[in-house]
Amino acid sequence: MIVRLRRAAVALAIVASVTVAFAQAPHPSRIVSTSPSITETLFALGLGDRVVGVSTYCRFPPEVVKLPKVGTFLKPNAEVIAGLRPDLVLVHAVPDGVDRQLASLHVPFVTVREGALADVFAAMRQIADAAGVSDRAGPLISGIQRKLDDIKQRRAGRPHPRVLFIMGRQPGALADLIAVGPGSYINDLIGIGGGTNPLTDGSPSGYLHISMESVLRLDPDVIVDTVDMGETEAERVDRQRINERLWDAFGSLSAVKNRRVYAATTDALVVPGPRVVEAAEWVASLLARADRR
């Protein structure tokens, strides 16, 4: 699941905005979510009892597993969604035309896009507003921000390594690299965890295609390679050393020389929603390991 989520997250054009089509109920009681981050936000807002459909890869919280599936969040199935008789559908802005399909079926929907951490919080407010529970967004966001501030404070005063996050590449090869750049919420997590991002060039999606020549030129202190790690914890343990060995061929890199290449991932990293605290803790723990080397 995490591999598919990562590919889809990288593919999204992520700029905060919202589009609403057709009049919707002021307090919708049948809500369909088309992405894990939307689903997790709905449940964090206390709206789980109103959710009647979720995306194929929604796995958290556990109760969503039994809910009807409406396709992936890059390709939601408009007809399946309409069959659930929703009075609100929440979708991401993806180029598959699901908004036009829902409009033709006269299904009320809201389109939410996400980008940096501030946009994740904005999306939470948009979802709360659309569901008629605007008052619940503030406490949820404030609680998350306090926890993120605590993580950042714990890392204050320590070295700020330059951290390159690799989110995509050819399996088994260091080619076609996709790295986190400015504009991604993961870029914000790097800062909260106590690092800096050596990539300063922006892109509409927050992710950049880079070459190994660029990696060698940037010479990051830490490399986090989240690619080709498998779906289960056992698979990830098996893949960790294999993937880290790929980087051993570039022994001139500071991260390789100092054994600061981490082939690792966590589900929360690719779901920009309420579990952003879990993702930030994970990043901070990696950089704490780097401190000790």
C-alpha atoms as a PDB file:
ATOM      1  CA  MET A   1       0.000   0.000   0.000  1.00  0.00           C
ATOM      2  CA  ILE A   2       2.660   2.540   0.964  1.00  0.00           C
ATOM      3  CA  VAL A   3       4.409   2.183  -2.412  1.00  0.00           C
ATOM      4  CA  ARG A   4       1.177   2.985  -4.245  1.00  0.00           C
ATOM      5  CA  LEU A   5       0.390   5.828  -1.870  1.00  0.00           C
ATOM      6  CA  ARG A   6       3.831   7.337  -2.370  1.00  0.00           C
ATOM      7  CA  ARG A   7       3.573   7.201  -6.161  1.00  0.00           C
ATOM      8  CA  ALA A   8       0.172   8.817  -6.036  1.00  0.00           C
ATOM      9  CA  ALA A   9       1.268  11.464  -3.530  1.00  0.00           C
ATOM     10  CA  VAL A  10       4.207  12.419  -5.738  1.00  0.00           C
ATOM     11  CA  ALA A  11       1.910  12.536  -8.780  1.00  0.00           C
ATOM     12  CA  LEU A  12      -0.550  14.963  -7.204  1.00  0.00           C
ATOM     13  CA  ALA A  13      -0.260  18.628  -8.164  1.00  0.00           C
ATOM     14  CA  ILE A  14      -0.507  20.071  -4.687  1.00  0.00           C
ATOM     15  CA  VAL A  15      -1.637  23.669  -4.328  1.00  0.00           C
ATOM     16  CA  ALA A  16      -4.107  24.593  -1.588  1.00  0.00           C
ATOM     17  CA  SER A  17      -7.542  25.404  -2.988  1.00  0.00           C
ATOM     18  CA  VAL A  18     -11.132  24.270  -2.805  1.00  0.00           C
ATOM     19  CA  THR A  19     -13.873  23.819  -5.352  1.00  0.00           C
ATOM     20  CA  VAL A  20     -17.500  23.135  -4.517  1.00  0.00           C
ATOM     21  CA  ALA A  21     -20.098  21.854  -6.982  1.00  0.00           C
ATOM     22  CA  PHE A  22     -23.857  21.660  -6.424  1.00  0.00           C
ATOM     23  CA  ALA A  23     -25.663  22.583  -3.274  1.00  0.00           C
ATOM     24  CA  GLN A  24     -24.777  20.290  -0.422  1.00  0.00           C
ATOM     25  CA  ALA A  25     -26.506  19.572   2.857  1.00  0.00           C
ATOM     26  CA  PRO A  26     -25.406  21.930   5.654  1.00  0.00           C
ATOM     27  CA  HIS A  27     -24.758  18.904   7.860  1.00  0.00           C
ATOM     28  CA  PRO A  28     -24.097  16.011   5.467  1.00  0.00           C
ATOM     29  CA  SER A  29     -24.758  12.580   6.954  1.00  0.00           C
ATOM     30  CA  ARG A  30     -23.399  10.384   4.135  1.00  0.00           C
ATOM     31  CA  ILE A  31     -19.812  11.318   3.296  1.00  0.00           C
ATOM     32  CA  VAL A  32     -17.501   9.607   0.821  1.00  0.00           C
ATOM     33  CA  SER A  33     -13.722  10.078   1.105  1.00  0.00           C
ATOM     34  CA  THR A  34     -11.422   9.377  -1.818  1.00  0.00           C
ATOM     35  CA  SER A  35      -8.021   9.482  -0.092  1.00  0.00           C
ATOM     36  CA  PRO A  36      -6.351   8.275   3.114  1.00  0.00           C
ATOM     37  CA  SER A  37      -5.564  11.809   4.306  1.00  0.00           C
ATOM     38  CA  ILE A  38      -9.194  12.894   3.884  1.00  0.00           C
ATOM     39  CA  THR A  39     -10.447   9.762   5.636  1.00  0.00           C
ATOM     40  CA  GLU A  40      -8.092  10.205   8.577  1.00  0.00           C
ATOM     41  CA  THR A  41      -9.089  13.864   8.874  1.00  0.00           C
ATOM     42  CA  LEU A  42     -12.797  12.978   8.910  1.00  0.00           C
ATOM     43  CA  PHE A  43     -12.263  10.497  11.730  1.00  0.00           C
ATOM     44  CA  ALA A  44     -10.045  12.918  13.660  1.00  0.00           C
ATOM     45  CA  LEU A  45     -12.881  15.450  13.422  1.00  0.00           C
ATOM     46  CA  GLY A  46     -15.256  12.927  14.979  1.00  0.00           C
ATOM     47  CA  LEU A  47     -17.127  12.260  11.734  1.00  0.00           C
ATOM     48  CA  GLY A  48     -16.381   8.572  11.351  1.00  0.00           C
ATOM     49  CA  ASP A  49     -20.020   7.590  11.798  1.00  0.00           C
ATOM     50  CA  ARG A  50     -20.949   9.612   8.720  1.00  0.00           C
ATOM     51  CA  VAL A  51     -18.378   8.037   6.369  1.00  0.00           C
ATOM     52  CA  VAL A  52     -20.032   5.565   3.990  1.00  0.00           C
ATOM     53  CA  GLY A  53     -17.207   5.005   1.489  1.00  0.00           C
ATOM     54  CA  VAL A  54     -13.414   5.335   1.340  1.00  0.00           C
ATOM     55  CA  SER A  55     -10.542   4.859  -1.096  1.00  0.00           C
ATOM     56  CA  THR A  56      -8.967   1.498  -1.860  1.00  0.00           C
ATOM     57  CA  TYR A  57      -5.861   2.260   0.202  1.00  0.00           C
ATOM     58  CA  CYS A  58      -7.511   3.685   3.308  1.00  0.00           C
ATOM     59  CA  ARG A  59      -6.287   1.569   6.238  1.00  0.00           C
ATOM     60  CA  PHE A  60      -6.457   3.897   9.235  1.00  0.00           C
ATOM     61  CA  PRO A  61      -8.216   3.998  11.579  1.00  0.00           C
ATOM     62  CA  PRO A  62      -8.880   0.215  11.516  1.00  0.00           C
ATOM     63  CA  GLU A  63     -12.664   0.574  11.223  1.00  0.00           C
ATOM     64  CA  VAL A  64     -12.370   1.929   7.667  1.00  0.00           C
ATOM     65  CA  VAL A  65     -11.188  -1.444   6.348  1.00  0.00           C
ATOM     66  CA  LYS A  66     -14.765  -2.769   6.270  1.00  0.00           C
ATOM     67  CA  LEU A  67     -16.240   0.276   4.528  1.00  0.00           C
ATOM     68  CA  PRO A  68     -17.131   0.172   0.800  1.00  0.00           C
ATOM     69  CA  LYS A  69     -14.220   1.065  -1.478  1.00  0.00           C
ATOM     70  CA  VAL A  70     -14.613   3.653  -4.255  1.00  0.00           C
ATOM     71  CA  GLY A  71     -11.309   3.298  -6.122  1.00  0.00           C
ATOM     72  CA  THR A  72      -7.890   4.838  -5.626  1.00  0.00           C
ATOM     73  CA  PHE A  73      -7.506   8.520  -4.891  1.00  0.00           C
ATOM     74  CA  LEU A  74      -5.954   9.053  -8.315  1.00  0.00           C
ATOM     75  CA  LYS A  75      -8.850   7.209  -9.977  1.00  0.00           C
ATOM     76  CA  PRO A  76     -12.036   7.335  -7.903  1.00  0.00           C
ATOM     77  CA  ASN A  77     -14.999   5.549  -9.506  1.00  0.00           C
ATOM     78  CA  ALA A  78     -17.772   8.133  -9.874  1.00  0.00           C
ATOM     79  CA  GLU A  79     -20.490   5.543 -10.516  1.00  0.00           C
ATOM     80  CA  VAL A  80     -19.603   3.536  -7.414  1.00  0.00           C
ATOM     81  CA  ILE A  81     -19.568   6.755  -5.421  1.00  0.00           C
ATOM     82  CA  ALA A  82     -22.990   7.784  -6.735  1.00  0.00           C
ATOM     83  CA  GLY A  83     -24.353   4.351  -5.811  1.00  0.00           C
ATOM     84  CA  LEU A  84     -23.599   5.086  -2.148  1.00  0.00           C
ATOM     85  CA  ARG A  85     -26.030   8.057  -2.284  1.00  0.00           C
ATOM     86  CA  PRO A  86     -23.636  10.531  -0.610  1.00  0.00           C
ATOM     87  CA  ASP A  87     -24.604  14.074   0.274  1.00  0.00           C
ATOM     88  CA  LEU A  88     -20.920  15.037   0.297  1.00  0.00           C
ATOM     89  CA  VAL A  89     -17.905  13.660  -1.581  1.00  0.00           C
ATOM     90  CA  LEU A  90     -14.388  14.873  -0.782  1.00  0.00           C
ATOM     91  CA  VAL A  91     -11.841  14.500  -3.581  1.00  0.00           C
ATOM     92  CA  HIS A  92      -8.340  15.655  -4.382  1.00  0.00           C
ATOM     93  CA  ALA A  93      -7.707  17.673  -7.521  1.00  0.00           C
ATOM     94  CA  VAL A  94      -6.431  14.997  -9.892  1.00  0.00           C
ATOM     95  CA  PRO A  95      -6.440  15.040 -13.700  1.00  0.00           C
ATOM     96  CA  ASP A  96      -8.836  12.127 -14.157  1.00  0.00           C
ATOM     97  CA  GLY A  97     -11.970  14.216 -14.556  1.00  0.00           C
ATOM     98  CA  VAL A  98     -13.799  12.761 -11.558  1.00  0.00           C
ATOM     99  CA  ASP A  99     -15.099  16.243 -10.754  1.00  0.00           C
ATOM    100  CA  ARG A 100     -16.820  16.420 -14.148  1.00  0.00           C
ATOM    101  CA  GLN A 101     -18.209  12.906 -13.705  1.00  0.00           C
ATOM    102  CA  LEU A 102     -19.609  13.703 -10.268  1.00  0.00           C
ATOM    103  CA  ALA A 103     -21.083  16.933 -11.598  1.00  0.00           C
ATOM    104  CA  SER A 104     -22.812  15.072 -14.423  1.00  0.00           C
ATOM    105  CA  LEU A 105     -24.306  12.686 -11.864  1.00  0.00           C
ATOM    106  CA  HIS A 106     -25.410  15.642  -9.692  1.00  0.00           C
ATOM    107  CA  VAL A 107     -23.370  14.385  -6.736  1.00  0.00           C
ATOM    108  CA  PRO A 108     -22.286  17.172  -4.318  1.00  0.00           C
ATOM    109  CA  PHE A 109     -18.495  17.294  -3.972  1.00  0.00           C
ATOM    110  CA  VAL A 110     -15.693  19.417  -2.606  1.00  0.00           C
ATOM    111  CA  THR A 111     -12.236  19.363  -4.174  1.00  0.00           C
ATOM    112  CA  VAL A 112      -9.367  19.770  -1.719  1.00  0.00           C
ATOM    113  CA  ARG A 113      -5.722  20.099  -2.645  1.00  0.00           C
ATOM    114  CA  GLU A 114      -2.787  19.852  -0.265  1.00  0.00           C
ATOM    115  CA  GLY A 115       0.819  21.004  -0.328  1.00  0.00           C
ATOM    116  CA  ALA A 116       3.017  22.264   2.487  1.00  0.00           C
ATOM    117  CA  LEU A 117       2.150  21.760   6.142  1.00  0.00           C
ATOM    118  CA  ALA A 118       0.150  24.993   6.224  1.00  0.00           C
ATOM    119  CA  ASP A 119      -1.935  23.615   3.351  1.00  0.00           C
ATOM    120  CA  VAL A 120      -2.537  20.389   5.278  1.00  0.00           C
ATOM    121  CA  PHE A 121      -4.031  22.474   8.073  1.00  0.00           C
ATOM    122  CA  ALA A 122      -6.023  24.483   5.524  1.00  0.00           C
ATOM    123  CA  ALA A 123      -7.391  21.210   4.120  1.00  0.00           C
ATOM    124  CA  MET A 124      -8.523  20.202   7.607  1.00  0.00           C
ATOM    125  CA  ARG A 125     -10.464  23.458   7.875  1.00  0.00           C
ATOM    126  CA  GLN A 126     -11.960  22.955   4.421  1.00  0.00           C
ATOM    127  CA  ILE A 127     -13.106  19.443   5.294  1.00  0.00           C
ATOM    128  CA  ALA A 128     -14.590  20.600   8.612  1.00  0.00           C
ATOM    129  CA  ASP A 129     -16.396  23.466   6.881  1.00  0.00           C
ATOM    130  CA  ALA A 130     -17.811  21.182   4.184  1.00  0.00           C
ATOM    131  CA  ALA A 131     -19.038  18.712   6.799  1.00  0.00           C
ATOM    132  CA  GLY A 132     -20.728  21.428   8.855  1.00  0.00           C
ATOM    133  CA  VAL A 133     -18.410  21.129  11.874  1.00  0.00           C
ATOM    134  CA  SER A 134     -16.218  24.193  11.427  1.00  0.00           C
ATOM    135  CA  ASP A 135     -15.778  24.546  15.187  1.00  0.00           C
ATOM    136  CA  ARG A 136     -13.914  21.234  15.402  1.00  0.00           C
ATOM    137  CA  ALA A 137     -11.045  22.189  13.112  1.00  0.00           C
ATOM    138  CA  GLY A 138      -9.396  24.709  15.437  1.00  0.00           C
ATOM    139  CA  PRO A 139      -8.900  22.355  18.410  1.00  0.00           C
ATOM    140  CA  LEU A 140      -7.640  19.558  16.140  1.00  0.00           C
ATOM    141  CA  ILE A 141      -5.104  21.818  14.437  1.00  0.00           C
ATOM    142  CA  SER A 142      -3.987  23.477  17.676  1.00  0.00           C
ATOM    143  CA  GLY A 143      -3.343  20.090  19.268  1.00  0.00           C
ATOM    144  CA  ILE A 144      -1.251  18.961  16.307  1.00  0.00           C
ATOM    145  CA  GLN A 145       0.704  22.222  16.237  1.00  0.00           C
ATOM    146  CA  ARG A 146       1.542  21.939  19.964  1.00  0.00           C
ATOM    147  CA  LYS A 147       2.934  18.448  19.471  1.00  0.00           C
ATOM    148  CA  LEU A 148       4.957  19.539  16.447  1.00  0.00           C
ATOM    149  CA  ASP A 149       6.346  22.477  18.428  1.00  0.00           C
ATOM    150  CA  ASP A 150       7.398  20.049  21.170  1.00  0.00           C
ATOM    151  CA  ILE A 151       9.279  17.918  18.646  1.00  0.00           C
ATOM    152  CA  LYS A 152      10.998  20.968  17.197  1.00  0.00           C
ATOM    153  CA  GLN A 153      11.953  22.204  20.664  1.00  0.00           C
ATOM    154  CA  ARG A 154      13.528  18.869  21.552  1.00  0.00           C
ATOM    155  CA  ARG A 155      15.778  19.169  18.509  1.00  0.00           C
ATOM    156  CA  ALA A 156      16.686  22.810  19.172  1.00  0.00           C
ATOM    157  CA  GLY A 157      20.371  23.491  19.761  1.00  0.00           C
ATOM    158  CA  ARG A 158      21.537  20.383  17.923  1.00  0.00           C
ATOM    159  CA  PRO A 159      23.321  20.283  14.561  1.00  0.00           C
ATOM    160  CA  HIS A 160      21.055  20.826  11.557  1.00  0.00           C
ATOM    161  CA  PRO A 161      22.190  18.249   8.981  1.00  0.00           C
ATOM    162  CA  ARG A 162      21.349  18.675   5.322  1.00  0.00           C
ATOM    163  CA  VAL A 163      18.801  15.921   4.644  1.00  0.00           C
ATOM    164  CA  LEU A 164      17.943  14.601   1.178  1.00  0.00           C
ATOM    165  CA  PHE A 165      14.671  12.657   1.051  1.00  0.00           C
ATOM    166  CA  ILE A 166      14.283  10.279  -1.897  1.00  0.00           C
ATOM    167  CA  MET A 167      10.615   9.444  -2.533  1.00  0.00           C
ATOM    168  CA  GLY A 168      10.895   7.758  -5.916  1.00  0.00           C
ATOM    169  CA  ARG A 169      13.449   5.999  -8.138  1.00  0.00           C
ATOM    170  CA  GLN A 170      13.847   2.913 -10.273  1.00  0.00           C
ATOM    171  CA  PRO A 171      13.545  -0.149  -8.025  1.00  0.00           C
ATOM    172  CA  GLY A 172      17.003  -1.610  -7.512  1.00  0.00           C
ATOM    173  CA  ALA A 173      18.801   1.342  -9.114  1.00  0.00           C
ATOM    174  CA  LEU A 174      19.750   4.933  -8.341  1.00  0.00           C
ATOM    175  CA  ALA A 175      18.082   6.332 -11.441  1.00  0.00           C
ATOM    176  CA  ASP A 176      15.030   8.496 -12.102  1.00  0.00           C
ATOM    177  CA  LEU A 177      15.313   9.934  -8.605  1.00  0.00           C
ATOM    178  CA  ILE A 178      12.428  11.946  -7.168  1.00  0.00           C
ATOM    179  CA  ALA A 179      13.323  14.019  -4.118  1.00  0.00           C
ATOM    180  CA  VAL A 180      11.429  16.193  -1.671  1.00  0.00           C
ATOM    181  CA  GLY A 181      11.744  19.876  -2.459  1.00  0.00           C
ATOM    182  CA  PRO A 182      10.224  23.065  -1.070  1.00  0.00           C
ATOM    183  CA  GLY A 183       6.444  23.049  -1.177  1.00  0.00           C
ATOM    184  CA  SER A 184       6.012  19.536   0.197  1.00  0.00           C
ATOM    185  CA  TYR A 185       4.823  18.970   3.722  1.00  0.00           C
ATOM    186  CA  ILE A 186       7.732  16.532   4.114  1.00  0.00           C
ATOM    187  CA  ASN A 187      10.035  19.516   3.606  1.00  0.00           C
ATOM    188  CA  ASP A 188       8.408  21.034   6.694  1.00  0.00           C
ATOM    189  CA  LEU A 189       8.879  17.771   8.590  1.00  0.00           C
ATOM    190  CA  ILE A 190      12.602  17.905   7.848  1.00  0.00           C
ATOM    191  CA  GLY A 191      12.762  21.319   9.528  1.00  0.00           C
ATOM    192  CA  ILE A 192      10.659  20.221  12.498  1.00  0.00           C
ATOM    193  CA  GLY A 193      12.848  17.137  12.930  1.00  0.00           C
ATOM    194  CA  GLY A 194      15.974  19.285  13.103  1.00  0.00           C
ATOM    195  CA  GLY A 195      17.328  19.207   9.567  1.00  0.00           C
ATOM    196  CA  THR A 196      17.524  21.367   6.473  1.00  0.00           C
ATOM    197  CA  ASN A 197      16.723  20.474   2.879  1.00  0.00           C
ATOM    198  CA  PRO A 198      19.652  20.953   0.460  1.00  0.00           C
ATOM    199  CA  LEU A 199      17.193  21.346  -2.412  1.00  0.00           C
ATOM    200  CA  THR A 200      16.048  24.935  -2.715  1.00  0.00           C
ATOM    201  CA  ASP A 201      14.521  24.896  -6.201  1.00  0.00           C
ATOM    202  CA  GLY A 202      10.751  24.700  -6.057  1.00  0.00           C
ATOM    203  CA  SER A 203       8.235  22.838  -8.188  1.00  0.00           C
ATOM    204  CA  PRO A 204       4.418  22.923  -8.378  1.00  0.00           C
ATOM    205  CA  SER A 205       4.179  19.498  -6.728  1.00  0.00           C
ATOM    206  CA  GLY A 206       6.851  19.943  -4.069  1.00  0.00           C
ATOM    207  CA  TYR A 207       8.852  17.063  -5.558  1.00  0.00           C
ATOM    208  CA  LEU A 208      11.802  17.241  -7.952  1.00  0.00           C
ATOM    209  CA  HIS A 209      13.400  14.909 -10.475  1.00  0.00           C
ATOM    210  CA  ILE A 210      17.133  14.933  -9.809  1.00  0.00           C
ATOM    211  CA  SER A 211      20.166  13.074 -11.132  1.00  0.00           C
ATOM    212  CA  MET A 212      22.917  11.323  -9.205  1.00  0.00           C
ATOM    213  CA  GLU A 213      25.212  14.084 -10.451  1.00  0.00           C
ATOM    214  CA  SER A 214      23.016  16.531  -8.525  1.00  0.00           C
ATOM    215  CA  VAL A 215      23.162  14.345  -5.429  1.00  0.00           C
ATOM    216  CA  LEU A 216      26.962  14.264  -5.632  1.00  0.00           C
ATOM    217  CA  ARG A 217      27.058  18.031  -6.041  1.00  0.00           C
ATOM    218  CA  LEU A 218      24.702  18.625  -3.110  1.00  0.00           C
ATOM    219  CA  ASP A 219      26.603  16.103  -0.935  1.00  0.00           C
ATOM    220  CA  PRO A 220      23.926  15.855   1.788  1.00  0.00           C
ATOM    221  CA  ASP A 221      24.819  14.906   5.369  1.00  0.00           C
ATOM    222  CA  VAL A 222      21.883  12.473   5.561  1.00  0.00           C
ATOM    223  CA  ILE A 223      20.032  10.537   2.849  1.00  0.00           C
ATOM    224  CA  VAL A 224      16.637   8.982   3.538  1.00  0.00           C
ATOM    225  CA  ASP A 225      15.617   6.520   0.815  1.00  0.00           C
ATOM    226  CA  THR A 226      11.974   5.507   1.234  1.00  0.00           C
ATOM    227  CA  VAL A 227      11.709   3.581  -2.043  1.00  0.00           C
ATOM    228  CA  ASP A 228      11.166  -0.141  -2.675  1.00  0.00           C
ATOM    229  CA  MET A 229      10.735  -0.935   1.029  1.00  0.00           C
ATOM    230  CA  GLY A 230       7.819  -3.367   0.719  1.00  0.00           C
ATOM    231  CA  GLU A 231       4.409  -3.364   2.349  1.00  0.00           C
ATOM    232  CA  THR A 232       5.041  -5.124   5.667  1.00  0.00           C
ATOM    233  CA  GLU A 233       7.542  -4.596   8.462  1.00  0.00           C
ATOM    234  CA  ALA A 234       9.228  -7.926   7.664  1.00  0.00           C
ATOM    235  CA  GLU A 235       9.685  -6.913   4.025  1.00  0.00           C
ATOM    236  CA  ARG A 236      11.147  -3.592   5.090  1.00  0.00           C
ATOM    237  CA  VAL A 237      13.698  -5.249   7.360  1.00  0.00           C
ATOM    238  CA  ASP A 238      14.750  -7.502   4.477  1.00  0.00           C
ATOM    239  CA  ARG A 239      15.032  -4.589   2.044  1.00  0.00           C
ATOM    240  CA  GLN A 240      16.802  -2.114   4.300  1.00  0.00           C
ATOM    241  CA  ARG A 241      20.382  -3.285   3.896  1.00  0.00           C
ATOM    242  CA  ILE A 242      19.853  -4.171   0.231  1.00  0.00           C
ATOM    243  CA  ASN A 243      18.711  -0.644  -0.554  1.00  0.00           C
ATOM    244  CA  GLU A 244      21.399   0.975   1.569  1.00  0.00           C
ATOM    245  CA  ARG A 245      24.039  -0.992  -0.368  1.00  0.00           C
ATOM    246  CA  LEU A 246      22.941   0.778  -3.540  1.00  0.00           C
ATOM    247  CA  TRP A 247      24.397   3.950  -2.096  1.00  0.00           C
ATOM    248  CA  ASP A 248      27.692   2.302  -1.087  1.00  0.00           C
ATOM    249  CA  ALA A 249      28.827   2.639  -4.705  1.00  0.00           C
ATOM    250  CA  PHE A 250      29.060   6.402  -4.094  1.00  0.00           C
ATOM    251  CA  GLY A 251      31.545   6.357  -1.245  1.00  0.00           C
ATOM    252  CA  SER A 252      32.542   9.982  -1.799  1.00  0.00           C
ATOM    253  CA  LEU A 253      29.185  11.149  -0.446  1.00  0.00           C
ATOM    254  CA  SER A 254      29.357  12.406   3.134  1.00  0.00           C
ATOM    255  CA  ALA A 255      26.183  10.507   4.030  1.00  0.00           C
ATOM    256  CA  VAL A 256      27.743   7.249   2.799  1.00  0.00           C
ATOM    257  CA  LYS A 257      31.128   7.820   4.460  1.00  0.00           C
ATOM    258  CA  ASN A 258      29.491   8.607   7.798  1.00  0.00           C
ATOM    259  CA  ARG A 259      26.907   5.775   7.542  1.00  0.00           C
ATOM    260  CA  ARG A 260      24.019   8.197   7.467  1.00  0.00           C
ATOM    261  CA  VAL A 261      22.051   6.605   4.635  1.00  0.00           C
ATOM    262  CA  TYR A 262      18.720   5.286   5.907  1.00  0.00           C
ATOM    263  CA  ALA A 263      16.549   3.016   3.792  1.00  0.00           C
ATOM    264  CA  ALA A 264      13.340   3.307   5.773  1.00  0.00           C
ATOM    265  CA  THR A 265       9.763   4.461   5.612  1.00  0.00           C
ATOM    266  CA  THR A 266       6.532   4.721   7.573  1.00  0.00           C
ATOM    267  CA  ASP A 267       2.926   4.766   6.405  1.00  0.00           C
ATOM    268  CA  ALA A 268       2.271   8.094   8.129  1.00  0.00           C
ATOM    269  CA  LEU A 269       4.899   9.797   5.954  1.00  0.00           C
ATOM    270  CA  VAL A 270       2.765   9.575   2.813  1.00  0.00           C
ATOM    271  CA  VAL A 271      -0.567  10.509   4.412  1.00  0.00           C
ATOM    272  CA  PRO A 272      -0.509  14.275   5.031  1.00  0.00           C
ATOM    273  CA  GLY A 273      -3.214  14.448   7.672  1.00  0.00           C
ATOM    274  CA  PRO A 274      -3.666  14.170  11.443  1.00  0.00           C
ATOM    275  CA  ARG A 275      -0.849  11.615  11.757  1.00  0.00           C
ATOM    276  CA  VAL A 276       1.653  14.265  10.695  1.00  0.00           C
ATOM    277  CA  VAL A 277       2.888  14.192  14.315  1.00  0.00           C
ATOM    278  CA  GLU A 278       3.765  10.514  13.938  1.00  0.00           C
ATOM    279  CA  ALA A 279       5.620  11.305  10.709  1.00  0.00           C
ATOM    280  CA  ALA A 280       7.509  14.187  12.351  1.00  0.00           C
ATOM    281  CA  GLU A 281       8.514  11.957  15.273  1.00  0.00           C
ATOM    282  CA  TRP A 282       9.806   9.416  12.775  1.00  0.00           C
ATOM    283  CA  VAL A 283      11.937  12.017  10.956  1.00  0.00           C
ATOM    284  CA  ALA A 284      13.257  13.355  14.273  1.00  0.00           C
ATOM    285  CA  SER A 285      14.214   9.830  15.381  1.00  0.00           C
ATOM    286  CA  LEU A 286      16.229   9.289  12.190  1.00  0.00           C
ATOM    287  CA  LEU A 287      18.120  12.538  12.695  1.00  0.00           C
ATOM    288  CA  ALA A 288      18.729  11.643  16.346  1.00  0.00           C
ATOM    289  CA  ARG A 289      20.361   8.418  15.092  1.00  0.00           C
ATOM    290  CA  ALA A 290      22.451  10.480  12.701  1.00  0.00           C
ATOM    291  CA  ASP A 291      23.614  12.652  15.623  1.00  0.00           C
ATOM    292  CA  ARG A 292      25.156   9.600  17.263  1.00  0.00           C
ATOM    293  CA  ARG A 293      27.288   8.706  14.250  1.00  0.00           C
END
